[in-house]
């Protein structure tokens, strides 16, 4: 076997810790090693409405209801708890999520995964309506993540516990809400 410059065999992990990470750290193993995942919902202007911090191994699709339940937009009366429309990437489609969103009258723009398209060909049914032009608006979430990651501690996950990391996300989100909107028209 070939060896790398660090003396490790090619294809072996340099991870030696055998004990599980404590649950209050929200650190989990994914393809890239030990990571943390932030599941985020934002408004049309890229301001965070709610987020959930989990270990890196947690699938996006099972976290959709928990993330959506974080939404609390203050109004004159009761706080608003659901958006008019949800745009999500291919990590979120499932029958359970679509049913959950349909029960709450949330319109969705979520593309089907390739395996779901292949399954539909075998057993035809009602096709999923997908508006490609509307899906172009999903980049707002990516821009929100980029703005949050301007904070070094969020980008690098330097906090040990999930509670502290979540607090840093809350502070960064508050700062995004406090920013003055920038004008896109030339002066």
Foldseek 3Di string as FASTA:
>chain_A
DDADPVRDDPPDDPDDDDDDDDQQQQWDQDPVGTDKDKQFDDDLQLFTQFIDIHHPVDQNQVCVVVGLQSGFQDDPDGTDRHDQEEADEQSHDDPVVVVVCVVVNHHYAYDHDPVVVVVCVVPPDDDDDHDPVVNVSVCSNVVSVVQLVVPVCQVVVPDRGPVVNVVSSVVSSVVVVVDDDDDPDDD
